[in-house]
Amino acid sequence: MVRQKIQIKKIDNLTARQVTFSKRRRGLFKKAQELSTLCDADIGLIVFSATGKLFEYSSSSMMQLIEKHKVHSERDMDSPDQLQFSNLQSEKKNCGMLCREFAEKNRELRQLNGEELQGLGLEELMKLEKIVEGGISRVMKIKGDKFTREISSLKKKATQLLEENSQLKQQSEARLNEVEGHNAIEGGHSADSITTNRSLVNSHHDYIDSDTSLKLGLPFPY
């Protein structure tokens, strides 16, 4: 089917007009976001509905974009001195705005630490509580993951130490058996030498006793 071209004119039907406004506004903001992302452009959109409701989109701070637009608008009609003064004023405003943002973020950080809570309402306290609980949950999860990795690492080290201890024990036992075998061999040689020496000494004694008995005419001892 050929898509019918929509005639650009005011939509009389109130419901159809609101639906079209909602669809086209979302499409316009989506195209602005794509243009900002693709081309690294600073974009600011301000839309008021027929009922006066404000809708806006900005790729950065809307106030900064408005100030930049104001400076560029005045640049064509201002003299160099006035332009320099305008730029200086713009920088001062930007600095003041950044200081206020810093102070606000610093105040939020102190509130997250449990400070300066007296001026907060019930709804703000509940919102702050949810933020803190979410942060604690993320911290606990990361801590649990780190504990798990640490325990796994310690188990691996324990297994490695047990294996090294077993190897050292086996090497020690082998070395001990080798030393005992060597000592047993040396002990056997020493015992044989002592037995031989004792036999020689006993033979010599028997010879002396026999010779003495012959010389004295005594009967040979048995």
C-alpha atoms as a PDB file:
ATOM      1  CA  MET A   1       0.000   0.000   0.000  1.00  0.00           C
ATOM      2  CA  VAL A   2       1.110   3.523  -0.801  1.00  0.00           C
ATOM      3  CA  ARG A   3       1.415   5.551   2.343  1.00  0.00           C
ATOM      4  CA  GLN A   4      -0.974   8.480   2.275  1.00  0.00           C
ATOM      5  CA  LYS A   5       0.706  11.847   2.626  1.00  0.00           C
ATOM      6  CA  ILE A   6      -0.499  13.711   5.698  1.00  0.00           C
ATOM      7  CA  GLN A   7      -1.602  17.244   5.070  1.00  0.00           C
ATOM      8  CA  ILE A   8       0.217  19.663   7.363  1.00  0.00           C
ATOM      9  CA  LYS A   9      -2.439  21.704   9.079  1.00  0.00           C
ATOM     10  CA  LYS A  10      -3.897  22.051  12.507  1.00  0.00           C
ATOM     11  CA  ILE A  11      -5.639  18.923  13.726  1.00  0.00           C
ATOM     12  CA  ASP A  12      -9.124  19.830  14.855  1.00  0.00           C
ATOM     13  CA  ASN A  13      -9.801  16.659  16.844  1.00  0.00           C
ATOM     14  CA  LEU A  14      -8.425  17.218  20.342  1.00  0.00           C
ATOM     15  CA  THR A  15      -7.623  13.556  21.065  1.00  0.00           C
ATOM     16  CA  ALA A  16      -5.910  13.041  17.708  1.00  0.00           C
ATOM     17  CA  ARG A  17      -3.977  16.277  18.202  1.00  0.00           C
ATOM     18  CA  GLN A  18      -2.668  15.147  21.621  1.00  0.00           C
ATOM     19  CA  VAL A  19      -1.664  11.712  20.269  1.00  0.00           C
ATOM     20  CA  THR A  20       0.128  13.289  17.307  1.00  0.00           C
ATOM     21  CA  PHE A  21       1.877  15.775  19.579  1.00  0.00           C
ATOM     22  CA  SER A  22       3.095  13.001  21.887  1.00  0.00           C
ATOM     23  CA  LYS A  23       4.390  10.835  19.011  1.00  0.00           C
ATOM     24  CA  ARG A  24       6.085  13.643  17.106  1.00  0.00           C
ATOM     25  CA  ARG A  25       7.606  15.125  20.253  1.00  0.00           C
ATOM     26  CA  ARG A  26       9.234  11.791  21.111  1.00  0.00           C
ATOM     27  CA  GLY A  27      10.428  11.443  17.512  1.00  0.00           C
ATOM     28  CA  LEU A  28      11.863  14.966  17.556  1.00  0.00           C
ATOM     29  CA  PHE A  29      13.732  14.371  20.817  1.00  0.00           C
ATOM     30  CA  LYS A  30      15.024  11.031  19.519  1.00  0.00           C
ATOM     31  CA  LYS A  31      16.369  12.660  16.349  1.00  0.00           C
ATOM     32  CA  ALA A  32      17.994  15.399  18.426  1.00  0.00           C
ATOM     33  CA  GLN A  33      19.686  12.812  20.635  1.00  0.00           C
ATOM     34  CA  GLU A  34      20.935  10.890  17.587  1.00  0.00           C
ATOM     35  CA  LEU A  35      22.284  14.075  16.022  1.00  0.00           C
ATOM     36  CA  SER A  36      24.084  14.985  19.246  1.00  0.00           C
ATOM     37  CA  THR A  37      25.604  11.505  19.559  1.00  0.00           C
ATOM     38  CA  LEU A  38      26.630  11.129  15.926  1.00  0.00           C
ATOM     39  CA  CYS A  39      28.017  14.633  15.395  1.00  0.00           C
ATOM     40  CA  ASP A  40      29.058  15.591  18.964  1.00  0.00           C
ATOM     41  CA  ALA A  41      26.766  18.626  18.745  1.00  0.00           C
ATOM     42  CA  ASP A  42      25.318  20.664  21.601  1.00  0.00           C
ATOM     43  CA  ILE A  43      21.533  20.587  21.210  1.00  0.00           C
ATOM     44  CA  GLY A  44      18.790  22.087  23.299  1.00  0.00           C
ATOM     45  CA  LEU A  45      15.060  21.748  22.601  1.00  0.00           C
ATOM     46  CA  ILE A  46      12.244  23.503  24.436  1.00  0.00           C
ATOM     47  CA  VAL A  47       8.663  22.571  23.622  1.00  0.00           C
ATOM     48  CA  PHE A  48       5.430  23.867  25.156  1.00  0.00           C
ATOM     49  CA  SER A  49       2.248  21.928  24.542  1.00  0.00           C
ATOM     50  CA  ALA A  50      -1.075  23.567  23.749  1.00  0.00           C
ATOM     51  CA  THR A  51      -1.908  23.361  27.453  1.00  0.00           C
ATOM     52  CA  GLY A  52       1.341  25.110  28.418  1.00  0.00           C
ATOM     53  CA  LYS A  53       3.180  21.993  29.652  1.00  0.00           C
ATOM     54  CA  LEU A  54       6.948  22.221  29.251  1.00  0.00           C
ATOM     55  CA  PHE A  55       9.008  19.511  27.530  1.00  0.00           C
ATOM     56  CA  GLU A  56      12.735  19.912  27.018  1.00  0.00           C
ATOM     57  CA  TYR A  57      15.795  18.005  25.864  1.00  0.00           C
ATOM     58  CA  SER A  58      19.447  19.031  26.115  1.00  0.00           C
ATOM     59  CA  SER A  59      22.613  17.148  25.268  1.00  0.00           C
ATOM     60  CA  SER A  60      24.342  18.938  28.183  1.00  0.00           C
ATOM     61  CA  SER A  61      23.249  21.553  30.711  1.00  0.00           C
ATOM     62  CA  MET A  62      20.240  23.454  29.404  1.00  0.00           C
ATOM     63  CA  MET A  63      21.279  26.618  31.255  1.00  0.00           C
ATOM     64  CA  GLN A  64      24.723  26.534  29.662  1.00  0.00           C
ATOM     65  CA  LEU A  65      23.184  26.113  26.211  1.00  0.00           C
ATOM     66  CA  ILE A  66      20.847  29.059  26.829  1.00  0.00           C
ATOM     67  CA  GLU A  67      23.755  31.236  27.967  1.00  0.00           C
ATOM     68  CA  LYS A  68      25.785  30.192  24.929  1.00  0.00           C
ATOM     69  CA  HIS A  69      22.853  31.060  22.667  1.00  0.00           C
ATOM     70  CA  LYS A  70      22.477  34.400  24.389  1.00  0.00           C
ATOM     71  CA  VAL A  71      26.168  35.219  23.901  1.00  0.00           C
ATOM     72  CA  HIS A  72      26.042  34.261  20.214  1.00  0.00           C
ATOM     73  CA  SER A  73      22.882  36.289  19.704  1.00  0.00           C
ATOM     74  CA  GLU A  74      24.496  39.397  21.194  1.00  0.00           C
ATOM     75  CA  ARG A  75      27.785  38.891  19.378  1.00  0.00           C
ATOM     76  CA  ASP A  76      26.544  40.269  16.043  1.00  0.00           C
ATOM     77  CA  MET A  77      25.361  43.566  17.522  1.00  0.00           C
ATOM     78  CA  ASP A  78      28.014  44.144  20.192  1.00  0.00           C
ATOM     79  CA  SER A  79      31.327  45.963  19.851  1.00  0.00           C
ATOM     80  CA  PRO A  80      34.572  44.077  20.708  1.00  0.00           C
ATOM     81  CA  ASP A  81      34.647  45.592  24.201  1.00  0.00           C
ATOM     82  CA  GLN A  82      31.027  44.730  24.832  1.00  0.00           C
ATOM     83  CA  LEU A  83      31.595  41.257  23.454  1.00  0.00           C
ATOM     84  CA  GLN A  84      34.527  40.714  25.805  1.00  0.00           C
ATOM     85  CA  PHE A  85      32.439  41.964  28.696  1.00  0.00           C
ATOM     86  CA  SER A  86      29.585  39.649  27.709  1.00  0.00           C
ATOM     87  CA  ASN A  87      31.941  36.694  27.519  1.00  0.00           C
ATOM     88  CA  LEU A  88      33.299  37.600  30.935  1.00  0.00           C
ATOM     89  CA  GLN A  89      29.812  37.824  32.354  1.00  0.00           C
ATOM     90  CA  SER A  90      28.919  34.506  30.794  1.00  0.00           C
ATOM     91  CA  GLU A  91      32.004  32.884  32.320  1.00  0.00           C
ATOM     92  CA  LYS A  92      31.094  34.325  35.699  1.00  0.00           C
ATOM     93  CA  LYS A  93      27.568  32.938  35.427  1.00  0.00           C
ATOM     94  CA  ASN A  94      28.912  29.565  34.389  1.00  0.00           C
ATOM     95  CA  CYS A  95      31.344  29.621  37.296  1.00  0.00           C
ATOM     96  CA  GLY A  96      28.588  30.562  39.714  1.00  0.00           C
ATOM     97  CA  MET A  97      26.342  27.821  38.356  1.00  0.00           C
ATOM     98  CA  LEU A  98      29.134  25.252  38.669  1.00  0.00           C
ATOM     99  CA  CYS A  99      29.794  26.398  42.231  1.00  0.00           C
ATOM    100  CA  ARG A 100      26.124  25.968  43.085  1.00  0.00           C
ATOM    101  CA  GLU A 101      26.085  22.517  41.498  1.00  0.00           C
ATOM    102  CA  PHE A 102      29.211  21.582  43.442  1.00  0.00           C
ATOM    103  CA  ALA A 103      27.654  22.806  46.683  1.00  0.00           C
ATOM    104  CA  GLU A 104      24.475  20.835  45.931  1.00  0.00           C
ATOM    105  CA  LYS A 105      26.417  17.627  45.190  1.00  0.00           C
ATOM    106  CA  ASN A 106      28.497  18.161  48.316  1.00  0.00           C
ATOM    107  CA  ARG A 107      25.316  18.568  50.363  1.00  0.00           C
ATOM    108  CA  GLU A 108      23.894  15.357  48.860  1.00  0.00           C
ATOM    109  CA  LEU A 109      27.118  13.551  49.724  1.00  0.00           C
ATOM    110  CA  ARG A 110      26.934  14.736  53.341  1.00  0.00           C
ATOM    111  CA  GLN A 111      23.314  13.585  53.505  1.00  0.00           C
ATOM    112  CA  LEU A 112      24.366  10.161  52.239  1.00  0.00           C
ATOM    113  CA  ASN A 113      26.799  10.115  55.168  1.00  0.00           C
ATOM    114  CA  GLY A 114      23.908  10.836  57.543  1.00  0.00           C
ATOM    115  CA  GLU A 115      24.574  14.570  57.983  1.00  0.00           C
ATOM    116  CA  GLU A 116      22.279  17.592  57.543  1.00  0.00           C
ATOM    117  CA  LEU A 117      19.073  15.551  57.529  1.00  0.00           C
ATOM    118  CA  GLN A 118      16.973  17.814  59.763  1.00  0.00           C
ATOM    119  CA  GLY A 119      15.595  19.916  56.906  1.00  0.00           C
ATOM    120  CA  LEU A 120      14.467  16.965  54.768  1.00  0.00           C
ATOM    121  CA  GLY A 121      10.846  15.929  54.470  1.00  0.00           C
ATOM    122  CA  LEU A 122       9.511  12.396  54.760  1.00  0.00           C
ATOM    123  CA  GLU A 123       9.500  11.821  51.002  1.00  0.00           C
ATOM    124  CA  GLU A 124      13.085  13.072  50.644  1.00  0.00           C
ATOM    125  CA  LEU A 125      14.208  10.873  53.540  1.00  0.00           C
ATOM    126  CA  MET A 126      12.582   7.814  51.964  1.00  0.00           C
ATOM    127  CA  LYS A 127      14.264   8.569  48.632  1.00  0.00           C
ATOM    128  CA  LEU A 128      17.593   8.990  50.395  1.00  0.00           C
ATOM    129  CA  GLU A 129      17.019   5.704  52.240  1.00  0.00           C
ATOM    130  CA  LYS A 130      16.483   3.868  48.940  1.00  0.00           C
ATOM    131  CA  ILE A 131      19.684   5.345  47.512  1.00  0.00           C
ATOM    132  CA  VAL A 132      21.655   4.279  50.593  1.00  0.00           C
ATOM    133  CA  GLU A 133      20.128   0.784  50.566  1.00  0.00           C
ATOM    134  CA  GLY A 134      20.972   0.394  46.888  1.00  0.00           C
ATOM    135  CA  GLY A 135      24.545   1.484  47.560  1.00  0.00           C
ATOM    136  CA  ILE A 136      24.858  -0.928  50.484  1.00  0.00           C
ATOM    137  CA  SER A 137      23.516  -3.795  48.342  1.00  0.00           C
ATOM    138  CA  ARG A 138      26.112  -3.084  45.647  1.00  0.00           C
ATOM    139  CA  VAL A 139      28.869  -2.854  48.246  1.00  0.00           C
ATOM    140  CA  MET A 140      27.809  -6.143  49.841  1.00  0.00           C
ATOM    141  CA  LYS A 141      27.714  -7.860  46.456  1.00  0.00           C
ATOM    142  CA  ILE A 142      31.194  -6.637  45.510  1.00  0.00           C
ATOM    143  CA  LYS A 143      32.505  -7.570  48.951  1.00  0.00           C
ATOM    144  CA  GLY A 144      30.970 -11.060  48.663  1.00  0.00           C
ATOM    145  CA  ASP A 145      32.548 -11.535  45.248  1.00  0.00           C
ATOM    146  CA  LYS A 146      35.920 -10.483  46.604  1.00  0.00           C
ATOM    147  CA  PHE A 147      35.548 -12.849  49.579  1.00  0.00           C
ATOM    148  CA  THR A 148      34.711 -15.716  47.220  1.00  0.00           C
ATOM    149  CA  ARG A 149      37.739 -15.024  45.047  1.00  0.00           C
ATOM    150  CA  GLU A 150      39.971 -14.697  48.110  1.00  0.00           C
ATOM    151  CA  ILE A 151      38.718 -18.005  49.571  1.00  0.00           C
ATOM    152  CA  SER A 152      39.239 -19.744  46.225  1.00  0.00           C
ATOM    153  CA  SER A 153      42.776 -18.362  46.041  1.00  0.00           C
ATOM    154  CA  LEU A 154      43.543 -19.521  49.593  1.00  0.00           C
ATOM    155  CA  LYS A 155      42.213 -23.010  48.811  1.00  0.00           C
ATOM    156  CA  LYS A 156      44.465 -23.231  45.766  1.00  0.00           C
ATOM    157  CA  LYS A 157      47.451 -22.128  47.846  1.00  0.00           C
ATOM    158  CA  ALA A 158      46.589 -24.693  50.559  1.00  0.00           C
ATOM    159  CA  THR A 159      46.369 -27.477  47.951  1.00  0.00           C
ATOM    160  CA  GLN A 160      49.689 -26.398  46.484  1.00  0.00           C
ATOM    161  CA  LEU A 161      51.325 -26.371  49.921  1.00  0.00           C
ATOM    162  CA  LEU A 162      49.979 -29.849  50.701  1.00  0.00           C
ATOM    163  CA  GLU A 163      51.386 -31.168  47.431  1.00  0.00           C
ATOM    164  CA  GLU A 164      54.767 -29.557  48.105  1.00  0.00           C
ATOM    165  CA  ASN A 165      54.746 -30.950  51.662  1.00  0.00           C
ATOM    166  CA  SER A 166      53.994 -34.452  50.343  1.00  0.00           C
ATOM    167  CA  GLN A 167      56.833 -34.216  47.828  1.00  0.00           C
ATOM    168  CA  LEU A 168      59.254 -33.029  50.500  1.00  0.00           C
ATOM    169  CA  LYS A 169      58.143 -35.879  52.793  1.00  0.00           C
ATOM    170  CA  GLN A 170      58.761 -38.441  50.049  1.00  0.00           C
ATOM    171  CA  GLN A 171      62.172 -36.964  49.274  1.00  0.00           C
ATOM    172  CA  SER A 172      63.055 -36.957  52.983  1.00  0.00           C
ATOM    173  CA  GLU A 173      62.010 -40.607  53.403  1.00  0.00           C
ATOM    174  CA  ALA A 174      63.996 -41.647  50.333  1.00  0.00           C
ATOM    175  CA  ARG A 175      67.048 -39.811  51.603  1.00  0.00           C
ATOM    176  CA  LEU A 176      66.657 -41.403  55.057  1.00  0.00           C
ATOM    177  CA  ASN A 177      66.387 -44.899  53.541  1.00  0.00           C
ATOM    178  CA  GLU A 178      69.479 -44.241  51.470  1.00  0.00           C
ATOM    179  CA  VAL A 179      71.481 -43.125  54.530  1.00  0.00           C
ATOM    180  CA  GLU A 180      70.294 -46.111  56.591  1.00  0.00           C
ATOM    181  CA  GLY A 181      71.249 -48.525  53.809  1.00  0.00           C
ATOM    182  CA  HIS A 182      74.681 -46.977  53.524  1.00  0.00           C
ATOM    183  CA  ASN A 183      75.200 -47.187  57.285  1.00  0.00           C
ATOM    184  CA  ALA A 184      74.059 -50.818  57.293  1.00  0.00           C
ATOM    185  CA  ILE A 185      76.619 -51.683  54.615  1.00  0.00           C
ATOM    186  CA  GLU A 186      79.412 -49.917  56.494  1.00  0.00           C
ATOM    187  CA  GLY A 187      78.298 -51.641  59.737  1.00  0.00           C
ATOM    188  CA  GLY A 188      78.487 -55.056  58.051  1.00  0.00           C
ATOM    189  CA  HIS A 189      82.062 -54.461  56.867  1.00  0.00           C
ATOM    190  CA  SER A 190      83.095 -53.386  60.349  1.00  0.00           C
ATOM    191  CA  ALA A 191      81.560 -56.508  61.944  1.00  0.00           C
ATOM    192  CA  ASP A 192      83.406 -58.795  59.487  1.00  0.00           C
ATOM    193  CA  SER A 193      86.690 -57.047  60.226  1.00  0.00           C
ATOM    194  CA  ILE A 194      86.214 -57.417  63.956  1.00  0.00           C
ATOM    195  CA  THR A 195      85.365 -61.150  63.577  1.00  0.00           C
ATOM    196  CA  THR A 196      88.459 -61.729  61.414  1.00  0.00           C
ATOM    197  CA  ASN A 197      90.709 -59.900  63.840  1.00  0.00           C
ATOM    198  CA  ARG A 198      89.289 -61.824  66.742  1.00  0.00           C
ATOM    199  CA  SER A 199      89.923 -65.154  64.907  1.00  0.00           C
ATOM    200  CA  LEU A 200      93.524 -64.154  64.239  1.00  0.00           C
ATOM    201  CA  VAL A 201      94.050 -63.196  67.846  1.00  0.00           C
ATOM    202  CA  ASN A 202      92.541 -66.459  69.089  1.00  0.00           C
ATOM    203  CA  SER A 203      94.716 -68.490  66.704  1.00  0.00           C
ATOM    204  CA  HIS A 204      97.789 -66.668  67.884  1.00  0.00           C
ATOM    205  CA  HIS A 205      96.847 -67.364  71.486  1.00  0.00           C
ATOM    206  CA  ASP A 206      96.310 -71.058  70.689  1.00  0.00           C
ATOM    207  CA  TYR A 207      99.710 -71.193  69.007  1.00  0.00           C
ATOM    208  CA  ILE A 208     101.421 -69.614  71.969  1.00  0.00           C
ATOM    209  CA  ASP A 209      99.666 -71.977  74.403  1.00  0.00           C
ATOM    210  CA  SER A 210     100.695 -75.027  72.282  1.00  0.00           C
ATOM    211  CA  ASP A 211     104.294 -73.954  72.019  1.00  0.00           C
ATOM    212  CA  THR A 212     104.496 -73.327  75.712  1.00  0.00           C
ATOM    213  CA  SER A 213     103.010 -76.756  76.476  1.00  0.00           C
ATOM    214  CA  LEU A 214     105.542 -78.486  74.200  1.00  0.00           C
ATOM    215  CA  LYS A 215     108.453 -76.680  75.783  1.00  0.00           C
ATOM    216  CA  LEU A 216     107.295 -77.564  79.295  1.00  0.00           C
ATOM    217  CA  GLY A 217     106.462 -81.219  78.363  1.00  0.00           C
ATOM    218  CA  LEU A 218     102.850 -80.667  79.240  1.00  0.00           C
ATOM    219  CA  PRO A 219     100.089 -82.451  77.474  1.00  0.00           C
ATOM    220  CA  PHE A 220      98.662 -80.545  74.517  1.00  0.00           C
ATOM    221  CA  PRO A 221      95.527 -78.755  75.498  1.00  0.00           C
ATOM    222  CA  TYR A 222      92.312 -79.715  73.650  1.00  0.00           C
END
